[in-house]
């Protein structure tokens, strides 16, 4: 399942999501960045892990904005591809 990841109104990339912890309602996957990501890359890498508290992160799956209880985070360490994860999602409402 593909999700679009936003910071504010900027689409920064898409992610091919899979369930990473069913009991926690957690999903994740590698972020395929778009050009807009470059505006945020340095700030995200400085943090190591950027989350919804640091940035206005949003994710749209199947045309719907998800509202995870545990927020959304992006992990991006130099030398590795950025990774997006989110927890606290009702997985029954998302079609994988």
PDB file of N, CA and C in Angstrom:
ATOM      1  N   UNK A   1       0.829  -1.157   0.000  1.00  0.00           N
ATOM      2  CA  UNK A   1       0.000   0.000   0.000  1.00  0.00           C
ATOM      3  C   UNK A   1       0.886   1.237   0.000  1.00  0.00           C
ATOM      4  N   UNK A   2       0.557   2.184  -0.837  1.00  0.00           N
ATOM      5  CA  UNK A   2       1.357   3.395  -0.976  1.00  0.00           C
ATOM      6  C   UNK A   2       0.684   4.536  -0.227  1.00  0.00           C
ATOM      7  N   UNK A   3       1.484   5.283   0.515  1.00  0.00           N
ATOM      8  CA  UNK A   3       1.012   6.475   1.207  1.00  0.00           C
ATOM      9  C   UNK A   3       1.809   7.681   0.759  1.00  0.00           C
ATOM     10  N   UNK A   4       1.168   8.821   0.752  1.00  0.00           N
ATOM     11  CA  UNK A   4       1.847  10.078   0.461  1.00  0.00           C
ATOM     12  C   UNK A   4       2.180  10.748   1.788  1.00  0.00           C
ATOM     13  N   UNK A   5       3.409  11.245   1.911  1.00  0.00           N
ATOM     14  CA  UNK A   5       3.851  11.878   3.146  1.00  0.00           C
ATOM     15  C   UNK A   5       4.010  13.377   2.893  1.00  0.00           C
ATOM     16  N   UNK A   6       3.461  14.162   3.798  1.00  0.00           N
ATOM     17  CA  UNK A   6       3.476  15.616   3.699  1.00  0.00           C
ATOM     18  C   UNK A   6       4.170  16.222   4.912  1.00  0.00           C
ATOM     19  N   UNK A   7       4.817  17.352   4.684  1.00  0.00           N
ATOM     20  CA  UNK A   7       5.171  18.270   5.757  1.00  0.00           C
ATOM     21  C   UNK A   7       4.437  19.548   5.400  1.00  0.00           C
ATOM     22  N   UNK A   8       3.483  19.901   6.233  1.00  0.00           N
ATOM     23  CA  UNK A   8       2.604  21.020   5.894  1.00  0.00           C
ATOM     24  C   UNK A   8       1.862  20.703   4.613  1.00  0.00           C
ATOM     25  N   UNK A   9       1.946  21.598   3.642  1.00  0.00           N
ATOM     26  CA  UNK A   9       1.284  21.381   2.357  1.00  0.00           C
ATOM     27  C   UNK A   9       2.206  20.761   1.313  1.00  0.00           C
ATOM     28  N   UNK A  10       3.480  20.534   1.680  1.00  0.00           N
ATOM     29  CA  UNK A  10       4.461  19.977   0.747  1.00  0.00           C
ATOM     30  C   UNK A  10       4.441  18.451   0.751  1.00  0.00           C
ATOM     31  N   UNK A  11       4.246  17.859  -0.416  1.00  0.00           N
ATOM     32  CA  UNK A  11       4.374  16.402  -0.547  1.00  0.00           C
ATOM     33  C   UNK A  11       5.868  16.124  -0.628  1.00  0.00           C
ATOM     34  N   UNK A  12       6.405  15.430   0.382  1.00  0.00           N
ATOM     35  CA  UNK A  12       7.846  15.183   0.406  1.00  0.00           C
ATOM     36  C   UNK A  12       8.224  13.814  -0.152  1.00  0.00           C
ATOM     37  N   UNK A  13       7.240  12.930  -0.302  1.00  0.00           N
ATOM     38  CA  UNK A  13       7.551  11.626  -0.869  1.00  0.00           C
ATOM     39  C   UNK A  13       6.406  10.648  -0.729  1.00  0.00           C
ATOM     40  N   UNK A  14       6.665   9.461  -1.228  1.00  0.00           N
ATOM     41  CA  UNK A  14       5.697   8.384  -1.058  1.00  0.00           C
ATOM     42  C   UNK A  14       6.403   7.187  -0.442  1.00  0.00           C
ATOM     43  N   UNK A  15       5.618   6.390   0.229  1.00  0.00           N
ATOM     44  CA  UNK A  15       6.164   5.255   0.957  1.00  0.00           C
ATOM     45  C   UNK A  15       5.317   4.026   0.681  1.00  0.00           C
ATOM     46  N   UNK A  16       5.989   2.915   0.380  1.00  0.00           N
ATOM     47  CA  UNK A  16       5.314   1.633   0.205  1.00  0.00           C
ATOM     48  C   UNK A  16       5.215   0.997   1.589  1.00  0.00           C
ATOM     49  N   UNK A  17       4.051   1.077   2.180  1.00  0.00           N
ATOM     50  CA  UNK A  17       3.845   0.697   3.575  1.00  0.00           C
ATOM     51  C   UNK A  17       3.547  -0.778   3.759  1.00  0.00           C
ATOM     52  N   UNK A  18       3.999  -1.287   4.883  1.00  0.00           N
ATOM     53  CA  UNK A  18       3.620  -2.628   5.310  1.00  0.00           C
ATOM     54  C   UNK A  18       3.412  -2.587   6.824  1.00  0.00           C
ATOM     55  N   UNK A  19       2.717  -3.571   7.341  1.00  0.00           N
ATOM     56  CA  UNK A  19       2.492  -3.663   8.784  1.00  0.00           C
ATOM     57  C   UNK A  19       3.798  -4.116   9.426  1.00  0.00           C
ATOM     58  N   UNK A  20       4.270  -3.358  10.409  1.00  0.00           N
ATOM     59  CA  UNK A  20       5.509  -3.737  11.093  1.00  0.00           C
ATOM     60  C   UNK A  20       5.246  -4.243  12.506  1.00  0.00           C
ATOM     61  N   UNK A  21       4.086  -3.913  13.082  1.00  0.00           N
ATOM     62  CA  UNK A  21       3.682  -4.453  14.380  1.00  0.00           C
ATOM     63  C   UNK A  21       2.162  -4.358  14.465  1.00  0.00           C
ATOM     64  N   UNK A  22       1.522  -5.477  14.228  1.00  0.00           N
ATOM     65  CA  UNK A  22       0.051  -5.491  14.184  1.00  0.00           C
ATOM     66  C   UNK A  22      -0.561  -5.103  15.526  1.00  0.00           C
ATOM     67  N   UNK A  23       0.011  -5.595  16.636  1.00  0.00           N
ATOM     68  CA  UNK A  23      -0.565  -5.316  17.953  1.00  0.00           C
ATOM     69  C   UNK A  23      -0.493  -3.832  18.317  1.00  0.00           C
ATOM     70  N   UNK A  24       0.482  -3.115  17.767  1.00  0.00           N
ATOM     71  CA  UNK A  24       0.631  -1.688  18.033  1.00  0.00           C
ATOM     72  C   UNK A  24      -0.013  -0.827  16.939  1.00  0.00           C
ATOM     73  N   UNK A  25      -0.584  -1.464  15.920  1.00  0.00           N
ATOM     74  CA  UNK A  25      -1.155  -0.722  14.804  1.00  0.00           C
ATOM     75  C   UNK A  25      -0.086   0.094  14.095  1.00  0.00           C
ATOM     76  N   UNK A  26       1.100  -0.534  13.916  1.00  0.00           N
ATOM     77  CA  UNK A  26       2.240   0.180  13.345  1.00  0.00           C
ATOM     78  C   UNK A  26       2.493  -0.228  11.899  1.00  0.00           C
ATOM     79  N   UNK A  27       2.762   0.789  11.079  1.00  0.00           N
ATOM     80  CA  UNK A  27       3.094   0.576   9.680  1.00  0.00           C
ATOM     81  C   UNK A  27       4.387   1.330   9.386  1.00  0.00           C
ATOM     82  N   UNK A  28       5.072   0.932   8.332  1.00  0.00           N
ATOM     83  CA  UNK A  28       6.292   1.641   7.977  1.00  0.00           C
ATOM     84  C   UNK A  28       6.818   1.219   6.632  1.00  0.00           C
ATOM     85  N   UNK A  29       7.803   1.964   6.156  1.00  0.00           N
ATOM     86  CA  UNK A  29       8.443   1.658   4.893  1.00  0.00           C
ATOM     87  C   UNK A  29       9.429   2.749   4.500  1.00  0.00           C
ATOM     88  N   UNK A  30      10.233   2.440   3.491  1.00  0.00           N
ATOM     89  CA  UNK A  30      11.232   3.375   2.984  1.00  0.00           C
ATOM     90  C   UNK A  30      10.562   4.530   2.239  1.00  0.00           C
ATOM     91  N   UNK A  31      11.005   5.742   2.514  1.00  0.00           N
ATOM     92  CA  UNK A  31      10.448   6.921   1.869  1.00  0.00           C
ATOM     93  C   UNK A  31      11.146   7.160   0.535  1.00  0.00           C
ATOM     94  N   UNK A  32      10.369   7.191  -0.525  1.00  0.00           N
ATOM     95  CA  UNK A  32      10.880   7.552  -1.840  1.00  0.00           C
ATOM     96  C   UNK A  32      10.662   9.052  -1.968  1.00  0.00           C
ATOM     97  N   UNK A  33      11.729   9.806  -1.789  1.00  0.00           N
ATOM     98  CA  UNK A  33      11.607  11.256  -1.676  1.00  0.00           C
ATOM     99  C   UNK A  33      11.313  11.926  -3.013  1.00  0.00           C
ATOM    100  N   UNK A  34      10.617  13.037  -2.916  1.00  0.00           N
ATOM    101  CA  UNK A  34      10.364  13.915  -4.047  1.00  0.00           C
ATOM    102  C   UNK A  34      11.229  15.157  -3.864  1.00  0.00           C
ATOM    103  N   UNK A  35      11.269  16.003  -4.870  1.00  0.00           N
ATOM    104  CA  UNK A  35      12.127  17.187  -4.857  1.00  0.00           C
ATOM    105  C   UNK A  35      11.921  18.048  -3.607  1.00  0.00           C
ATOM    106  N   UNK A  36      10.693  18.168  -3.156  1.00  0.00           N
ATOM    107  CA  UNK A  36      10.363  19.006  -2.005  1.00  0.00           C
ATOM    108  C   UNK A  36      11.057  18.551  -0.717  1.00  0.00           C
ATOM    109  N   UNK A  37      11.413  17.282  -0.641  1.00  0.00           N
ATOM    110  CA  UNK A  37      12.078  16.750   0.561  1.00  0.00           C
ATOM    111  C   UNK A  37      13.379  17.486   0.846  1.00  0.00           C
ATOM    112  N   UNK A  38      14.044  17.955  -0.202  1.00  0.00           N
ATOM    113  CA  UNK A  38      15.348  18.610  -0.033  1.00  0.00           C
ATOM    114  C   UNK A  38      15.260  19.839   0.886  1.00  0.00           C
ATOM    115  N   UNK A  39      14.104  20.485   0.968  1.00  0.00           N
ATOM    116  CA  UNK A  39      13.928  21.639   1.861  1.00  0.00           C
ATOM    117  C   UNK A  39      14.043  21.243   3.334  1.00  0.00           C
ATOM    118  N   UNK A  40      13.743  19.988   3.653  1.00  0.00           N
ATOM    119  CA  UNK A  40      13.675  19.518   5.037  1.00  0.00           C
ATOM    120  C   UNK A  40      14.779  18.526   5.398  1.00  0.00           C
ATOM    121  N   UNK A  41      15.474  18.029   4.402  1.00  0.00           N
ATOM    122  CA  UNK A  41      16.452  16.952   4.603  1.00  0.00           C
ATOM    123  C   UNK A  41      17.454  17.262   5.718  1.00  0.00           C
ATOM    124  N   UNK A  42      18.077  18.421   5.666  1.00  0.00           N
ATOM    125  CA  UNK A  42      19.099  18.761   6.649  1.00  0.00           C
ATOM    126  C   UNK A  42      18.525  18.758   8.072  1.00  0.00           C
ATOM    127  N   UNK A  43      17.379  19.376   8.252  1.00  0.00           N
ATOM    128  CA  UNK A  43      16.752  19.430   9.581  1.00  0.00           C
ATOM    129  C   UNK A  43      16.383  18.054  10.085  1.00  0.00           C
ATOM    130  N   UNK A  44      15.875  17.210   9.199  1.00  0.00           N
ATOM    131  CA  UNK A  44      15.501  15.848   9.592  1.00  0.00           C
ATOM    132  C   UNK A  44      16.745  15.057   9.963  1.00  0.00           C
ATOM    133  N   UNK A  45      17.805  15.159   9.161  1.00  0.00           N
ATOM    134  CA  UNK A  45      19.031  14.416   9.449  1.00  0.00           C
ATOM    135  C   UNK A  45      19.697  14.911  10.731  1.00  0.00           C
ATOM    136  N   UNK A  46      19.616  16.182  11.027  1.00  0.00           N
ATOM    137  CA  UNK A  46      20.181  16.689  12.280  1.00  0.00           C
ATOM    138  C   UNK A  46      19.502  16.057  13.481  1.00  0.00           C
ATOM    139  N   UNK A  47      18.210  15.841  13.390  1.00  0.00           N
ATOM    140  CA  UNK A  47      17.459  15.224  14.486  1.00  0.00           C
ATOM    141  C   UNK A  47      17.670  13.713  14.536  1.00  0.00           C
ATOM    142  N   UNK A  48      17.932  13.108  13.384  1.00  0.00           N
ATOM    143  CA  UNK A  48      18.024  11.654  13.308  1.00  0.00           C
ATOM    144  C   UNK A  48      16.649  11.038  13.141  1.00  0.00           C
ATOM    145  N   UNK A  49      15.760  11.412  14.045  1.00  0.00           N
ATOM    146  CA  UNK A  49      14.360  10.990  13.954  1.00  0.00           C
ATOM    147  C   UNK A  49      13.500  12.236  14.086  1.00  0.00           C
ATOM    148  N   UNK A  50      12.774  12.565  13.048  1.00  0.00           N
ATOM    149  CA  UNK A  50      11.843  13.697  13.077  1.00  0.00           C
ATOM    150  C   UNK A  50      10.442  13.142  13.246  1.00  0.00           C
ATOM    151  N   UNK A  51       9.650  13.780  14.078  1.00  0.00           N
ATOM    152  CA  UNK A  51       8.294  13.277  14.285  1.00  0.00           C
ATOM    153  C   UNK A  51       7.268  14.393  14.179  1.00  0.00           C
ATOM    154  N   UNK A  52       6.049  14.032  14.442  1.00  0.00           N
ATOM    155  CA  UNK A  52       4.937  14.981  14.307  1.00  0.00           C
ATOM    156  C   UNK A  52       5.066  16.171  15.248  1.00  0.00           C
ATOM    157  N   UNK A  53       5.827  16.031  16.334  1.00  0.00           N
ATOM    158  CA  UNK A  53       6.043  17.158  17.244  1.00  0.00           C
ATOM    159  C   UNK A  53       7.008  18.182  16.647  1.00  0.00           C
ATOM    160  N   UNK A  54       7.949  17.727  15.791  1.00  0.00           N
ATOM    161  CA  UNK A  54       8.946  18.613  15.192  1.00  0.00           C
ATOM    162  C   UNK A  54       8.467  19.242  13.886  1.00  0.00           C
ATOM    163  N   UNK A  55       7.680  18.506  13.142  1.00  0.00           N
ATOM    164  CA  UNK A  55       7.205  18.933  11.827  1.00  0.00           C
ATOM    165  C   UNK A  55       5.712  18.641  11.743  1.00  0.00           C
ATOM    166  N   UNK A  56       5.039  19.334  10.843  1.00  0.00           N
ATOM    167  CA  UNK A  56       3.620  19.067  10.617  1.00  0.00           C
ATOM    168  C   UNK A  56       3.513  17.895   9.637  1.00  0.00           C
ATOM    169  N   UNK A  57       3.849  16.686  10.126  1.00  0.00           N
ATOM    170  CA  UNK A  57       3.824  15.481   9.285  1.00  0.00           C
ATOM    171  C   UNK A  57       2.400  14.966   9.140  1.00  0.00           C
ATOM    172  N   UNK A  58       2.067  14.618   7.915  1.00  0.00           N
ATOM    173  CA  UNK A  58       0.763  14.014   7.621  1.00  0.00           C
ATOM    174  C   UNK A  58       0.978  12.902   6.609  1.00  0.00           C
ATOM    175  N   UNK A  59       0.058  11.939   6.607  1.00  0.00           N
ATOM    176  CA  UNK A  59       0.125  10.853   5.635  1.00  0.00           C
ATOM    177  C   UNK A  59      -1.276  10.579   5.106  1.00  0.00           C
ATOM    178  N   UNK A  60      -1.343  10.417   3.783  1.00  0.00           N
ATOM    179  CA  UNK A  60      -2.612  10.097   3.138  1.00  0.00           C
ATOM    180  C   UNK A  60      -2.489   8.710   2.518  1.00  0.00           C
ATOM    181  N   UNK A  61      -3.435   7.858   2.870  1.00  0.00           N
ATOM    182  CA  UNK A  61      -3.484   6.497   2.346  1.00  0.00           C
ATOM    183  C   UNK A  61      -4.865   6.285   1.746  1.00  0.00           C
ATOM    184  N   UNK A  62      -4.906   5.770   0.537  1.00  0.00           N
ATOM    185  CA  UNK A  62      -6.187   5.550  -0.155  1.00  0.00           C
ATOM    186  C   UNK A  62      -7.035   6.822  -0.185  1.00  0.00           C
ATOM    187  N   UNK A  63      -6.392   7.971  -0.360  1.00  0.00           N
ATOM    188  CA  UNK A  63      -7.114   9.232  -0.441  1.00  0.00           C
ATOM    189  C   UNK A  63      -7.610   9.767   0.889  1.00  0.00           C
ATOM    190  N   UNK A  64      -7.277   9.092   1.994  1.00  0.00           N
ATOM    191  CA  UNK A  64      -7.749   9.530   3.307  1.00  0.00           C
ATOM    192  C   UNK A  64      -6.586   9.904   4.212  1.00  0.00           C
ATOM    193  N   UNK A  65      -6.752  10.998   4.922  1.00  0.00           N
ATOM    194  CA  UNK A  65      -5.775  11.415   5.914  1.00  0.00           C
ATOM    195  C   UNK A  65      -5.865  10.476   7.110  1.00  0.00           C
ATOM    196  N   UNK A  66      -4.737   9.855   7.475  1.00  0.00           N
ATOM    197  CA  UNK A  66      -4.770   8.975   8.643  1.00  0.00           C
ATOM    198  C   UNK A  66      -4.463   9.809   9.883  1.00  0.00           C
ATOM    199  N   UNK A  67      -4.978   9.370  11.010  1.00  0.00           N
ATOM    200  CA  UNK A  67      -4.774  10.074  12.270  1.00  0.00           C
ATOM    201  C   UNK A  67      -4.258   9.088  13.310  1.00  0.00           C
ATOM    202  N   UNK A  68      -2.972   8.748  13.229  1.00  0.00           N
ATOM    203  CA  UNK A  68      -2.406   7.772  14.147  1.00  0.00           C
ATOM    204  C   UNK A  68      -2.245   8.341  15.558  1.00  0.00           C
ATOM    205  N   UNK A  69      -2.615   7.553  16.551  1.00  0.00           N
ATOM    206  CA  UNK A  69      -2.475   7.957  17.956  1.00  0.00           C
ATOM    207  C   UNK A  69      -1.012   8.186  18.319  1.00  0.00           C
ATOM    208  N   UNK A  70      -0.109   7.407  17.729  1.00  0.00           N
ATOM    209  CA  UNK A  70       1.313   7.504  18.053  1.00  0.00           C
ATOM    210  C   UNK A  70       2.090   8.441  17.159  1.00  0.00           C
ATOM    211  N   UNK A  71       1.425   9.117  16.246  1.00  0.00           N
ATOM    212  CA  UNK A  71       2.097  10.054  15.361  1.00  0.00           C
ATOM    213  C   UNK A  71       2.805   9.392  14.196  1.00  0.00           C
ATOM    214  N   UNK A  72       3.569  10.190  13.488  1.00  0.00           N
ATOM    215  CA  UNK A  72       4.327   9.765  12.319  1.00  0.00           C
ATOM    216  C   UNK A  72       5.765  10.204  12.544  1.00  0.00           C
ATOM    217  N   UNK A  73       6.727   9.369  12.138  1.00  0.00           N
ATOM    218  CA  UNK A  73       8.116   9.785  12.252  1.00  0.00           C
ATOM    219  C   UNK A  73       8.893   9.416  10.995  1.00  0.00           C
ATOM    220  N   UNK A  74       9.949  10.184  10.764  1.00  0.00           N
ATOM    221  CA  UNK A  74      10.875   9.922   9.670  1.00  0.00           C
ATOM    222  C   UNK A  74      12.256   9.765  10.284  1.00  0.00           C
ATOM    223  N   UNK A  75      12.891   8.642  10.020  1.00  0.00           N
ATOM    224  CA  UNK A  75      14.255   8.405  10.453  1.00  0.00           C
ATOM    225  C   UNK A  75      15.142   8.540   9.228  1.00  0.00           C
ATOM    226  N   UNK A  76      16.120   9.455   9.307  1.00  0.00           N
ATOM    227  CA  UNK A  76      17.029   9.623   8.170  1.00  0.00           C
ATOM    228  C   UNK A  76      18.426   9.922   8.709  1.00  0.00           C
ATOM    229  N   UNK A  77      19.267   8.917   8.633  1.00  0.00           N
ATOM    230  CA  UNK A  77      20.657   9.022   9.057  1.00  0.00           C
ATOM    231  C   UNK A  77      21.511   8.986   7.796  1.00  0.00           C
ATOM    232  N   UNK A  78      22.538   9.815   7.751  1.00  0.00           N
ATOM    233  CA  UNK A  78      23.429   9.885   6.590  1.00  0.00           C
ATOM    234  C   UNK A  78      23.882   8.484   6.183  1.00  0.00           C
ATOM    235  N   UNK A  79      23.804   8.196   4.898  1.00  0.00           N
ATOM    236  CA  UNK A  79      24.215   6.897   4.372  1.00  0.00           C
ATOM    237  C   UNK A  79      23.084   5.893   4.247  1.00  0.00           C
ATOM    238  N   UNK A  80      21.920   6.237   4.761  1.00  0.00           N
ATOM    239  CA  UNK A  80      20.763   5.343   4.695  1.00  0.00           C
ATOM    240  C   UNK A  80      19.587   6.079   4.065  1.00  0.00           C
ATOM    241  N   UNK A  81      18.681   5.319   3.494  1.00  0.00           N
ATOM    242  CA  UNK A  81      17.466   5.903   2.935  1.00  0.00           C
ATOM    243  C   UNK A  81      16.530   6.304   4.077  1.00  0.00           C
ATOM    244  N   UNK A  82      15.751   7.360   3.907  1.00  0.00           N
ATOM    245  CA  UNK A  82      14.802   7.746   4.951  1.00  0.00           C
ATOM    246  C   UNK A  82      13.710   6.689   5.115  1.00  0.00           C
ATOM    247  N   UNK A  83      13.292   6.507   6.354  1.00  0.00           N
ATOM    248  CA  UNK A  83      12.294   5.497   6.703  1.00  0.00           C
ATOM    249  C   UNK A  83      11.159   6.183   7.461  1.00  0.00           C
ATOM    250  N   UNK A  84       9.932   5.863   7.086  1.00  0.00           N
ATOM    251  CA  UNK A  84       8.745   6.433   7.722  1.00  0.00           C
ATOM    252  C   UNK A  84       8.045   5.337   8.512  1.00  0.00           C
ATOM    253  N   UNK A  85       7.613   5.684   9.731  1.00  0.00           N
ATOM    254  CA  UNK A  85       6.769   4.744  10.472  1.00  0.00           C
ATOM    255  C   UNK A  85       5.709   5.516  11.236  1.00  0.00           C
ATOM    256  N   UNK A  86       4.687   4.797  11.594  1.00  0.00           N
ATOM    257  CA  UNK A  86       3.554   5.368  12.295  1.00  0.00           C
ATOM    258  C   UNK A  86       2.910   4.284  13.136  1.00  0.00           C
ATOM    259  N   UNK A  87       2.419   4.662  14.317  1.00  0.00           N
ATOM    260  CA  UNK A  87       1.801   3.679  15.209  1.00  0.00           C
ATOM    261  C   UNK A  87       0.475   4.220  15.737  1.00  0.00           C
ATOM    262  N   UNK A  88      -0.330   3.297  16.239  1.00  0.00           N
ATOM    263  CA  UNK A  88      -1.616   3.683  16.790  1.00  0.00           C
ATOM    264  C   UNK A  88      -2.678   3.875  15.732  1.00  0.00           C
ATOM    265  N   UNK A  89      -2.613   3.042  14.706  1.00  0.00           N
ATOM    266  CA  UNK A  89      -3.568   3.116  13.601  1.00  0.00           C
ATOM    267  C   UNK A  89      -4.529   1.935  13.699  1.00  0.00           C
ATOM    268  N   UNK A  90      -5.800   2.170  13.457  1.00  0.00           N
ATOM    269  CA  UNK A  90      -6.759   1.072  13.363  1.00  0.00           C
ATOM    270  C   UNK A  90      -6.556   0.410  12.010  1.00  0.00           C
ATOM    271  N   UNK A  91      -5.816  -0.693  12.011  1.00  0.00           N
ATOM    272  CA  UNK A  91      -5.467  -1.357  10.753  1.00  0.00           C
ATOM    273  C   UNK A  91      -6.676  -1.939  10.027  1.00  0.00           C
ATOM    274  N   UNK A  92      -7.776  -2.119  10.735  1.00  0.00           N
ATOM    275  CA  UNK A  92      -8.998  -2.624  10.092  1.00  0.00           C
ATOM    276  C   UNK A  92      -9.593  -1.585   9.135  1.00  0.00           C
ATOM    277  N   UNK A  93      -9.231  -0.317   9.322  1.00  0.00           N
ATOM    278  CA  UNK A  93      -9.771   0.735   8.465  1.00  0.00           C
ATOM    279  C   UNK A  93      -8.915   0.979   7.230  1.00  0.00           C
ATOM    280  N   UNK A  94      -7.740   0.347   7.173  1.00  0.00           N
ATOM    281  CA  UNK A  94      -6.843   0.526   6.036  1.00  0.00           C
ATOM    282  C   UNK A  94      -6.795  -0.782   5.240  1.00  0.00           C
ATOM    283  N   UNK A  95      -6.986  -0.665   3.933  1.00  0.00           N
ATOM    284  CA  UNK A  95      -6.956  -1.854   3.084  1.00  0.00           C
ATOM    285  C   UNK A  95      -5.534  -2.081   2.586  1.00  0.00           C
ATOM    286  N   UNK A  96      -4.930  -3.179   3.021  1.00  0.00           N
ATOM    287  CA  UNK A  96      -3.578  -3.529   2.546  1.00  0.00           C
ATOM    288  C   UNK A  96      -3.660  -4.521   1.434  1.00  0.00           C
TER     289      UNK A  96
END
